[in-house]
Protein backbone atom coordinates (compact mmCIF):
# COMPACT_ATOMS: atom_id res chain seq x y z
CA MET A 1 -29.10 -17.15 100.02
CA PHE A 2 -25.70 -18.70 99.25
CA ASP A 3 -23.88 -17.84 96.05
CA VAL A 4 -23.79 -21.28 94.40
CA THR A 5 -21.62 -20.02 91.54
CA THR A 6 -18.58 -19.96 93.83
CA PHE A 7 -17.86 -23.18 95.68
CA THR A 8 -17.18 -22.78 99.40
CA PRO A 9 -17.63 -25.03 102.45
CA TRP A 10 -20.98 -23.32 102.99
CA VAL A 11 -22.09 -24.28 99.48
CA LEU A 12 -21.24 -27.91 100.32
CA PHE A 13 -23.16 -27.56 103.57
CA SER A 14 -26.10 -26.06 101.67
CA ASP A 15 -26.13 -28.90 99.11
CA LEU A 16 -26.01 -31.49 101.90
CA GLY A 17 -28.71 -29.70 103.86
CA ILE A 18 -31.05 -29.61 100.87
CA ILE A 19 -30.49 -33.25 99.87
CA MET A 20 -30.85 -34.43 103.48
CA GLY A 21 -34.11 -32.51 103.73
CA LEU A 22 -35.31 -34.15 100.53
CA LEU A 23 -34.33 -37.56 101.92
CA LEU A 24 -36.49 -36.93 104.99
CA ILE A 25 -39.36 -35.81 102.76
CA GLY A 26 -38.84 -38.95 100.68
CA LYS A 27 -38.98 -41.08 103.82
CA LEU A 28 -42.18 -39.37 104.94
CA ILE A 29 -43.75 -39.98 101.52
CA ARG A 30 -42.71 -43.66 101.65
CA ALA A 31 -44.19 -44.04 105.14
CA LYS A 32 -47.51 -42.38 104.30
CA VAL A 33 -48.35 -42.82 100.60
CA LYS A 34 -49.82 -46.26 99.89
CA LEU A 35 -48.97 -46.22 96.16
CA ILE A 36 -45.29 -45.55 96.92
CA GLN A 37 -45.38 -48.35 99.50
CA ARG A 38 -46.86 -50.81 97.03
CA LEU A 39 -44.11 -49.94 94.54
CA PHE A 40 -41.36 -50.13 97.22
CA ILE A 41 -39.76 -46.94 95.89
CA PRO A 42 -36.78 -46.00 98.12
CA PRO A 43 -36.62 -42.52 99.76
CA SER A 44 -33.25 -41.84 98.11
CA MET A 45 -34.89 -42.15 94.71
CA ILE A 46 -37.77 -39.88 95.74
CA ALA A 47 -35.24 -37.33 97.02
CA GLY A 48 -33.35 -37.48 93.74
CA VAL A 49 -36.48 -36.98 91.65
CA LEU A 50 -37.49 -34.00 93.82
CA GLY A 51 -33.98 -32.58 93.47
CA LEU A 52 -34.14 -33.05 89.71
CA ALA A 53 -37.57 -31.42 89.46
CA PHE A 54 -36.89 -28.43 91.69
CA GLY A 55 -33.10 -28.13 91.47
CA PRO A 56 -30.82 -26.43 88.92
CA ASN A 57 -31.60 -29.01 86.21
CA GLY A 58 -35.36 -28.51 86.65
CA LEU A 59 -37.35 -25.51 87.85
CA GLY A 60 -34.37 -24.00 89.66
CA TRP A 61 -36.23 -23.38 92.93
CA LEU A 62 -33.64 -25.14 95.11
CA PRO A 63 -30.26 -23.35 95.36
CA MET A 64 -28.12 -26.41 94.71
CA SER A 65 -24.68 -25.89 93.18
CA SER A 66 -23.29 -27.33 89.96
CA SER A 67 -21.10 -29.57 92.13
CA ILE A 68 -23.99 -31.98 92.68
CA SER A 69 -22.77 -33.76 89.53
CA VAL A 70 -19.33 -34.25 91.14
CA TYR A 71 -20.49 -35.58 94.53
CA PRO A 72 -21.45 -39.03 93.15
CA ALA A 73 -17.84 -39.59 92.03
CA VAL A 74 -16.63 -38.88 95.58
CA LEU A 75 -19.34 -41.00 97.15
CA ILE A 76 -18.71 -44.02 94.91
CA ALA A 77 -15.07 -43.90 96.01
CA MET A 78 -16.30 -44.17 99.60
CA VAL A 79 -18.58 -47.08 98.70
CA PHE A 80 -15.77 -49.03 97.04
CA GLY A 81 -13.27 -48.07 99.72
CA ALA A 82 -15.59 -49.56 102.33
CA LEU A 83 -16.14 -52.85 100.48
CA PRO A 84 -12.93 -54.65 101.57
CA LEU A 85 -13.39 -53.39 105.13
CA SER A 86 -16.92 -54.80 105.38
CA ALA A 87 -16.35 -58.06 103.46
CA PRO A 88 -15.74 -61.31 105.37
CA SER A 89 -12.80 -63.53 104.53
CA PHE A 90 -13.49 -66.43 102.19
CA LYS A 91 -11.77 -69.38 100.57
CA MET A 92 -12.18 -70.09 96.87
CA LYS A 93 -12.58 -73.79 97.65
CA GLU A 94 -15.61 -72.99 99.80
CA VAL A 95 -17.13 -70.90 97.02
CA ALA A 96 -16.64 -73.66 94.43
CA GLY A 97 -17.86 -76.43 96.69
CA ARG A 98 -20.93 -74.81 98.16
CA VAL A 99 -22.18 -72.18 95.76
CA GLY A 100 -20.63 -73.03 92.42
CA PRO A 101 -23.89 -72.69 90.44
CA MET A 102 -24.60 -69.36 92.18
CA TRP A 103 -21.15 -68.08 91.25
CA ALA A 104 -21.54 -69.20 87.62
CA TYR A 105 -24.98 -67.56 87.44
CA SER A 106 -23.78 -64.28 88.98
CA GLN A 107 -20.64 -64.06 86.88
CA PHE A 108 -22.46 -65.05 83.70
CA GLY A 109 -25.26 -62.54 84.25
CA MET A 110 -22.77 -59.71 84.70
CA LEU A 111 -20.64 -60.45 81.63
CA PHE A 112 -23.54 -61.45 79.37
CA GLN A 113 -25.47 -58.21 79.90
CA TRP A 114 -22.39 -56.07 79.31
CA ALA A 115 -21.33 -58.08 76.25
CA LEU A 116 -24.66 -58.30 74.46
CA MET A 117 -25.64 -54.67 75.00
CA GLY A 118 -22.18 -53.36 74.14
CA ILE A 119 -22.14 -55.35 70.89
CA PHE A 120 -25.75 -54.32 70.11
CA GLY A 121 -24.80 -50.68 70.54
CA LEU A 122 -21.73 -50.95 68.32
CA LEU A 123 -23.08 -53.11 65.50
CA VAL A 124 -26.80 -52.30 65.40
CA MET A 125 -27.47 -48.91 66.99
CA LYS A 126 -24.45 -47.26 65.36
CA ALA A 127 -25.72 -48.48 61.98
CA ILE A 128 -29.06 -46.74 62.60
CA TRP A 129 -27.69 -43.65 64.38
CA PRO A 130 -24.09 -43.17 63.17
CA ASN A 131 -23.50 -40.16 65.43
CA LEU A 132 -23.95 -42.16 68.63
CA ASN A 133 -20.91 -42.63 70.80
CA ASP A 134 -19.38 -46.11 70.42
CA ALA A 135 -20.10 -46.77 74.12
CA PHE A 136 -23.80 -45.91 73.93
CA GLY A 137 -24.81 -49.58 74.23
CA VAL A 138 -22.99 -50.07 77.54
CA MET A 139 -25.07 -47.33 79.11
CA LEU A 140 -27.68 -50.07 79.67
CA PRO A 141 -25.55 -52.36 81.87
CA THR A 142 -23.97 -49.27 83.41
CA GLY A 143 -27.37 -48.41 84.89
CA PHE A 144 -29.03 -51.83 85.08
CA TYR A 145 -26.41 -54.23 86.40
CA GLY A 146 -24.25 -51.46 87.80
CA GLY A 147 -26.84 -49.13 89.33
CA HIS A 148 -26.30 -45.50 90.26
CA GLY A 149 -22.88 -46.21 91.74
CA THR A 150 -21.49 -47.63 88.52
CA ALA A 151 -23.23 -44.87 86.55
CA ALA A 152 -21.33 -42.34 88.66
CA ALA A 153 -18.02 -44.16 88.15
CA ILE A 154 -18.46 -44.74 84.40
CA GLY A 155 -19.81 -41.22 83.88
CA THR A 156 -16.83 -39.67 85.64
CA ALA A 157 -14.38 -41.79 83.64
CA PHE A 158 -16.00 -40.95 80.29
CA ASP A 159 -16.16 -37.28 81.26
CA GLY A 160 -12.38 -37.34 81.69
CA LEU A 161 -12.12 -38.99 78.26
CA GLY A 162 -14.21 -36.39 76.47
CA TRP A 163 -17.82 -37.71 76.63
CA ASP A 164 -19.62 -35.65 79.25
CA GLU A 165 -23.09 -37.02 78.41
CA ALA A 166 -22.35 -40.50 79.75
CA GLY A 167 -23.09 -39.54 83.36
CA SER A 168 -26.63 -38.34 82.62
CA LEU A 169 -27.36 -41.34 80.37
CA GLY A 170 -26.07 -43.78 82.98
CA MET A 171 -28.04 -42.15 85.78
CA THR A 172 -31.17 -42.23 83.59
CA THR A 173 -30.89 -45.97 82.84
CA ALA A 174 -30.11 -46.61 86.52
CA THR A 175 -33.22 -44.70 87.63
CA ILE A 176 -35.44 -46.46 85.08
CA GLY A 177 -33.82 -49.73 86.13
CA VAL A 178 -34.81 -49.23 89.77
CA ILE A 179 -38.42 -48.58 88.76
CA LEU A 180 -38.34 -51.61 86.48
CA ALA A 181 -36.82 -53.75 89.24
CA ILE A 182 -39.70 -52.94 91.54
CA VAL A 183 -42.65 -52.90 89.16
CA GLY A 184 -41.43 -55.83 87.06
CA GLY A 185 -40.41 -57.76 90.14
CA LEU A 186 -43.85 -57.42 91.71
CA VAL A 187 -45.49 -58.59 88.48
CA PHE A 188 -43.21 -61.63 88.28
CA ILE A 189 -43.84 -62.47 91.95
CA LYS A 190 -47.61 -62.31 91.51
CA MET A 191 -47.41 -64.55 88.43
CA ALA A 192 -45.13 -67.03 90.18
CA ALA A 193 -47.32 -67.20 93.28
CA LYS A 194 -50.38 -67.78 91.12
CA ASN A 195 -48.61 -70.58 89.22
CA LYS A 196 -47.30 -72.14 92.47
CA GLN A 197 -43.65 -71.54 91.57
CA THR A 198 -42.83 -69.87 94.90
CA SER A 199 -41.58 -72.00 97.79
CA TYR A 200 -42.41 -69.84 100.81
CA ILE A 201 -45.45 -67.68 100.04
CA THR A 202 -48.84 -68.52 98.61
CA ASP A 203 -50.48 -65.08 98.75
CA PHE A 204 -48.74 -61.90 97.66
CA GLY A 205 -50.86 -59.89 100.09
CA ASP A 206 -49.35 -61.60 103.14
CA LEU A 207 -46.52 -59.11 103.59
CA PRO A 208 -45.48 -57.44 106.86
CA ASP A 209 -46.18 -53.69 107.08
CA GLU A 210 -42.52 -52.82 107.67
CA LEU A 211 -41.62 -53.99 104.17
CA ARG A 212 -44.10 -51.53 102.73
CA SER A 213 -43.56 -48.50 105.00
CA GLY A 214 -39.87 -49.08 105.69
CA LEU A 215 -40.42 -48.42 109.41
CA LEU A 216 -39.35 -51.19 111.78
CA PRO A 217 -41.33 -51.97 114.96
CA GLU A 218 -39.31 -52.08 118.17
CA GLU A 219 -39.16 -55.87 118.34
CA LYS A 220 -37.61 -56.10 114.86
CA ARG A 221 -34.92 -53.43 115.18
CA ASP A 222 -31.28 -54.47 114.80
CA PRO A 223 -28.16 -52.52 115.89
CA LEU A 224 -26.33 -50.62 113.14
CA GLY A 225 -23.07 -52.14 114.32
CA THR A 226 -20.91 -53.04 117.29
CA ALA A 227 -18.72 -50.50 119.09
CA THR A 228 -15.08 -51.59 118.92
CA THR A 229 -13.42 -48.55 120.50
CA SER A 230 -14.06 -46.67 123.71
CA PRO A 231 -15.70 -43.25 123.17
CA ILE A 232 -13.31 -41.85 125.79
CA SER A 233 -10.57 -42.19 123.12
CA ILE A 234 -12.41 -42.09 119.79
CA ASP A 235 -16.01 -42.89 118.98
CA SER A 236 -16.39 -46.18 117.11
CA LEU A 237 -18.38 -44.51 114.30
CA THR A 238 -15.66 -41.86 113.91
CA PHE A 239 -13.01 -44.59 113.80
CA HIS A 240 -14.81 -46.54 111.05
CA PHE A 241 -15.69 -43.39 109.12
CA ALA A 242 -12.01 -42.41 109.19
CA LEU A 243 -11.02 -45.81 107.79
CA VAL A 244 -13.45 -45.46 104.88
CA ILE A 245 -12.40 -41.87 104.15
CA VAL A 246 -8.72 -42.83 104.25
CA ALA A 247 -9.34 -45.67 101.76
CA ALA A 248 -11.28 -43.33 99.44
CA PHE A 249 -8.77 -40.49 99.79
CA GLY A 250 -5.91 -42.94 99.30
CA GLY A 251 -7.55 -44.04 96.07
CA TYR A 252 -7.82 -40.42 94.93
CA MET A 253 -4.15 -39.75 95.68
CA PHE A 254 -3.16 -43.02 93.98
CA SER A 255 -5.09 -42.04 90.85
CA LYS A 256 -3.59 -38.55 90.78
CA GLY A 257 -0.10 -39.92 91.38
CA VAL A 258 -0.36 -42.28 88.43
CA LYS A 259 -1.70 -39.41 86.31
CA MET A 260 1.33 -37.31 87.17
CA LEU A 261 3.76 -40.09 86.25
CA ALA A 262 1.85 -41.24 83.16
CA PRO A 263 -0.47 -38.45 81.85
CA GLU A 264 -1.99 -40.78 79.25
CA LEU A 265 -3.17 -43.24 81.94
CA GLU A 266 -6.49 -42.45 83.67
CA LEU A 267 -7.17 -44.78 86.60
CA PRO A 268 -10.70 -44.42 88.05
CA VAL A 269 -10.64 -43.17 91.64
CA PHE A 270 -13.20 -45.74 92.79
CA SER A 271 -11.02 -48.62 91.50
CA CYS A 272 -7.99 -47.19 93.25
CA ALA A 273 -10.04 -46.78 96.43
CA PHE A 274 -10.95 -50.47 96.29
CA VAL A 275 -7.28 -51.40 95.86
CA VAL A 276 -6.25 -49.17 98.77
CA GLY A 277 -9.05 -50.72 100.85
CA LEU A 278 -7.73 -54.20 100.02
CA ILE A 279 -4.19 -53.20 100.99
CA LEU A 280 -5.46 -51.77 104.28
CA LYS A 281 -7.45 -54.97 104.88
CA ILE A 282 -4.31 -57.10 104.37
CA ILE A 283 -2.28 -54.86 106.70
CA PHE A 284 -5.04 -54.91 109.31
CA ASN A 285 -5.26 -58.71 109.12
CA LYS A 286 -1.51 -59.01 109.68
CA THR A 287 -1.46 -56.53 112.58
CA GLN A 288 -4.63 -57.70 114.38
CA VAL A 289 -6.32 -54.35 113.71
CA SER A 290 -9.10 -56.27 111.92
CA LYS A 291 -10.36 -57.43 115.31
CA TYR A 292 -11.46 -53.83 115.92
CA ILE A 293 -13.13 -53.31 112.56
CA ASP A 294 -16.85 -54.04 112.60
CA GLY A 295 -18.05 -55.09 109.16
CA LYS A 296 -21.62 -54.05 109.90
CA THR A 297 -20.57 -50.49 110.78
CA ALA A 298 -18.44 -50.23 107.64
CA SER A 299 -21.37 -51.57 105.62
CA SER A 300 -23.69 -48.96 107.18
CA ILE A 301 -21.30 -46.20 106.14
CA SER A 302 -21.28 -47.66 102.63
CA SER A 303 -25.11 -47.70 102.61
CA PHE A 304 -25.18 -44.10 103.84
CA SER A 305 -22.89 -43.09 100.97
CA THR A 306 -25.06 -45.02 98.50
CA ASP A 307 -28.24 -43.23 99.61
CA LEU A 308 -26.57 -39.86 99.07
CA LEU A 309 -25.11 -41.04 95.77
CA VAL A 310 -28.52 -42.05 94.42
CA ALA A 311 -30.13 -38.79 95.51
CA PHE A 312 -27.38 -36.55 94.12
CA GLY A 313 -27.00 -38.72 91.02
CA ILE A 314 -30.64 -38.43 89.97
CA ALA A 315 -30.76 -34.73 90.84
CA SER A 316 -27.74 -34.11 88.57
CA ILE A 317 -29.29 -35.70 85.44
CA LYS A 318 -29.27 -33.25 82.54
CA LEU A 319 -32.73 -33.52 81.05
CA SER A 320 -31.53 -31.99 77.78
CA VAL A 321 -29.26 -35.01 77.26
CA VAL A 322 -32.14 -37.43 77.94
CA VAL A 323 -34.37 -35.59 75.45
CA LYS A 324 -31.57 -35.54 72.85
CA TYR A 325 -31.19 -39.33 72.99
CA ALA A 326 -34.84 -40.18 73.73
CA VAL A 327 -35.45 -42.49 70.75
CA PRO A 328 -32.19 -44.51 70.79
CA LEU A 329 -32.42 -44.65 74.58
CA ALA A 330 -35.92 -46.14 74.34
CA VAL A 331 -34.66 -48.77 71.87
CA LEU A 332 -31.71 -49.57 74.10
CA LEU A 333 -33.97 -49.99 77.13
CA ALA A 334 -36.44 -52.21 75.26
CA VAL A 335 -33.73 -54.58 74.05
CA GLY A 336 -32.02 -54.49 77.45
CA ILE A 337 -35.23 -55.51 79.22
CA VAL A 338 -35.72 -58.51 76.92
CA VAL A 339 -32.09 -59.60 77.39
CA THR A 340 -32.30 -59.27 81.17
CA VAL A 341 -35.61 -61.12 81.53
CA PHE A 342 -34.23 -63.99 79.43
CA THR A 343 -30.92 -64.09 81.32
CA VAL A 344 -32.48 -63.97 84.79
CA PHE A 345 -35.21 -66.56 84.44
CA TYR A 346 -33.97 -68.95 81.74
CA PHE A 347 -30.54 -69.45 83.24
CA GLY A 348 -31.84 -69.28 86.80
CA ARG A 349 -34.25 -72.09 85.97
CA HIS A 350 -31.39 -74.24 84.65
CA LEU A 351 -28.80 -73.52 87.36
CA PHE A 352 -30.80 -73.73 90.61
CA ARG A 353 -32.21 -77.09 91.70
CA LYS A 354 -33.88 -75.64 94.81
CA ASP A 355 -35.74 -72.34 95.26
CA TRP A 356 -34.94 -71.30 91.70
CA PHE A 357 -37.55 -68.54 91.62
CA GLU A 358 -36.46 -66.97 94.92
CA LYS A 359 -32.84 -66.83 93.75
CA SER A 360 -33.83 -65.58 90.30
CA ILE A 361 -36.07 -62.79 91.56
CA PHE A 362 -33.20 -61.56 93.72
CA ALA A 363 -31.06 -61.45 90.58
CA TRP A 364 -33.80 -59.55 88.74
CA GLY A 365 -33.80 -56.82 91.39
CA TRP A 366 -30.02 -56.69 91.39
CA TRP A 367 -29.45 -56.84 87.62
CA THR A 368 -31.97 -54.12 86.82
CA GLY A 369 -31.79 -51.94 89.92
CA THR A 370 -29.57 -52.42 92.95
CA MET A 371 -28.61 -55.06 95.46
CA ALA A 372 -31.10 -53.39 97.84
CA MET A 373 -33.90 -53.92 95.30
CA GLY A 374 -32.93 -57.58 95.03
CA ILE A 375 -33.06 -57.96 98.81
CA ALA A 376 -36.46 -56.23 98.95
CA LEU A 377 -37.92 -58.61 96.35
CA LEU A 378 -36.34 -61.62 98.04
CA ARG A 379 -37.91 -60.67 101.36
CA ILE A 380 -41.30 -60.59 99.69
CA VAL A 381 -41.05 -64.17 98.38
CA ASP A 382 -38.92 -65.47 101.25
CA PRO A 383 -39.82 -63.46 104.38
CA LYS A 384 -37.83 -65.69 106.76
CA MET A 385 -34.85 -66.05 104.40
CA ALA A 386 -35.27 -69.84 104.50
CA SER A 387 -33.85 -70.27 100.99
CA LYS A 388 -30.41 -69.03 102.16
CA ALA A 389 -30.25 -67.13 98.89
CA MET A 390 -28.62 -64.10 100.52
CA ASP A 391 -25.95 -66.22 102.22
CA ASP A 392 -25.11 -67.94 98.95
CA TYR A 393 -25.08 -64.71 96.94
CA ALA A 394 -22.86 -62.97 99.49
CA LEU A 395 -20.32 -65.79 99.23
CA ALA A 396 -20.59 -66.27 95.47
CA TYR A 397 -20.25 -62.56 94.69
CA LEU A 398 -16.89 -62.17 96.46
CA PRO A 399 -14.87 -63.62 93.57
CA CYS A 400 -17.13 -61.75 91.12
CA ALA A 401 -16.43 -58.33 92.65
CA PRO A 402 -12.85 -57.99 91.33
CA VAL A 403 -14.06 -58.94 87.84
CA GLU A 404 -16.75 -56.26 87.98
CA ILE A 405 -14.29 -53.62 89.14
CA ILE A 406 -11.83 -54.51 86.39
CA LEU A 407 -14.67 -54.42 83.85
CA ILE A 408 -15.94 -51.02 84.99
CA SER A 409 -12.40 -49.63 85.08
CA LEU A 410 -11.50 -50.82 81.57
CA VAL A 411 -14.75 -50.13 79.68
CA PRO A 412 -14.31 -46.34 79.31
CA VAL A 413 -10.62 -46.64 78.37
CA MET A 414 -11.18 -49.44 75.86
CA PHE A 415 -14.11 -47.74 74.14
CA ALA A 416 -12.32 -44.38 74.08
CA ASN A 417 -9.40 -46.08 72.28
CA GLY A 418 -11.57 -47.89 69.74
CA LYS A 419 -11.16 -51.33 71.34
CA GLY A 420 -14.65 -51.68 72.82
CA LEU A 421 -15.81 -54.41 70.43
CA GLY A 422 -12.82 -56.60 71.26
CA MET A 423 -13.49 -56.26 74.97
CA MET A 424 -17.19 -57.07 74.57
CA LEU A 425 -16.36 -60.16 72.49
CA ILE A 426 -14.01 -61.34 75.24
CA CYS A 427 -16.84 -60.89 77.79
CA LEU A 428 -19.17 -62.88 75.53
CA ALA A 429 -16.60 -65.66 75.13
CA ILE A 430 -16.15 -65.92 78.89
CA SER A 431 -19.94 -66.03 79.30
CA VAL A 432 -20.17 -68.98 76.91
CA PHE A 433 -17.28 -70.68 78.72
CA LEU A 434 -19.12 -70.35 82.05
CA ILE A 435 -22.15 -72.19 80.66
CA VAL A 436 -19.93 -74.91 79.18
CA LEU A 437 -18.16 -75.20 82.54
CA SER A 438 -21.50 -75.45 84.34
CA LYS A 439 -22.54 -78.33 82.10
CA TYR A 440 -19.17 -80.07 82.54
CA LEU A 441 -19.42 -79.79 86.35
CA LYS A 442 -23.08 -80.94 86.19
CA TRP A 443 -24.40 -77.70 87.67
CA TRP A 444 -26.61 -77.26 84.60
CA ILE A 445 -30.06 -78.87 84.90
CA PRO A 446 -31.22 -80.43 81.60
CA LYS A 447 -34.68 -79.55 80.36
CA GLU A 448 -36.05 -83.02 81.04
CA GLN A 449 -35.06 -82.73 84.73
CA LEU A 450 -36.71 -79.36 85.35
CA LYS A 451 -39.53 -79.45 87.86
CA LYS A 452 -42.89 -78.56 86.39
């Protein structure tokens, strides 16, 4: 048995071996257990729950090291470092002309959830529980809109600023959010199908088996990516993995360099990794290297990192922190659910003239769980992707991504310096402006024009 009290390469190997084994067990459970299939619970989440139950934060049967709480911070740097490498080029004019309402909806949903929950935490929850951290309210959007990746990033940033409980709280809301995305999404889909609000399905039971089991038949299998280098020189997967690692490591060195020059300034590694990735993307575009970068391969590496992040993130939750904040956490979740349901469906109804439910249910999965949950729900109501919701969201989200990264980067710093309320009020003001802009540009559908 390895000594997990002293970190060595073999301890890292042991942690990876255990979590990979749990991922395989999670996949087996997803493929065989009908209840898990009906709930569309991802194997990474099952692995994380098993790691939490039997790992050092649970029964202690699995010899996982204390570093499992650090791995998510490294993995989220890889995820953000890969984003610029996997993203297609776009023009703002194309975004405004084709998917303006989608952009307004996506940007509004992000800022509105952060603003309302942050203000609720500061003005209401602090009045009831004065000892709560000022940033307690933003633990809801950290896990819901942000997911486990943002929970890892925010948790790491707050840890460096003196609040080490943020990571466990964020991972908890993210995990509950994933469950809510699935269970709530299925309920909404059944109700919509019954009320004839869906455009492409009439019976919820008419779903292909691969959506439930997660196993693709041979005729539906797609390549993970396209080889752009000859394996006689360097394998294409190695080449792309190196690019992602360099972006993430560059972000780490950038963050540490700034810290050395300005000790009071704490730049999140994941934000720096995104910036380094953007710089690399610009250089590659200028030097024709981009022709040899396959976005699908880079995206697969990002997805691989996300699966590990979710598994390690859930396994690293400190149950004592969850128990300590059980009551205020329950209140926060209850209010957050109401806010998210209202945001998703009310504003989706007024901003989408065609396939409003399909686009809204995707947002529900995304704004409570992850992008993957949104895609899973969308495939249920739109099996052939005829609504083009994914295409529109992919394009509309590109200008939203920098805003989200700036938001996630600034939230811990602003709250730690007592300026959280001001930041949340700015987010709320921008949210209101987006709705006013939508009405001015005639994207907003008046009540009398809504289809029954």
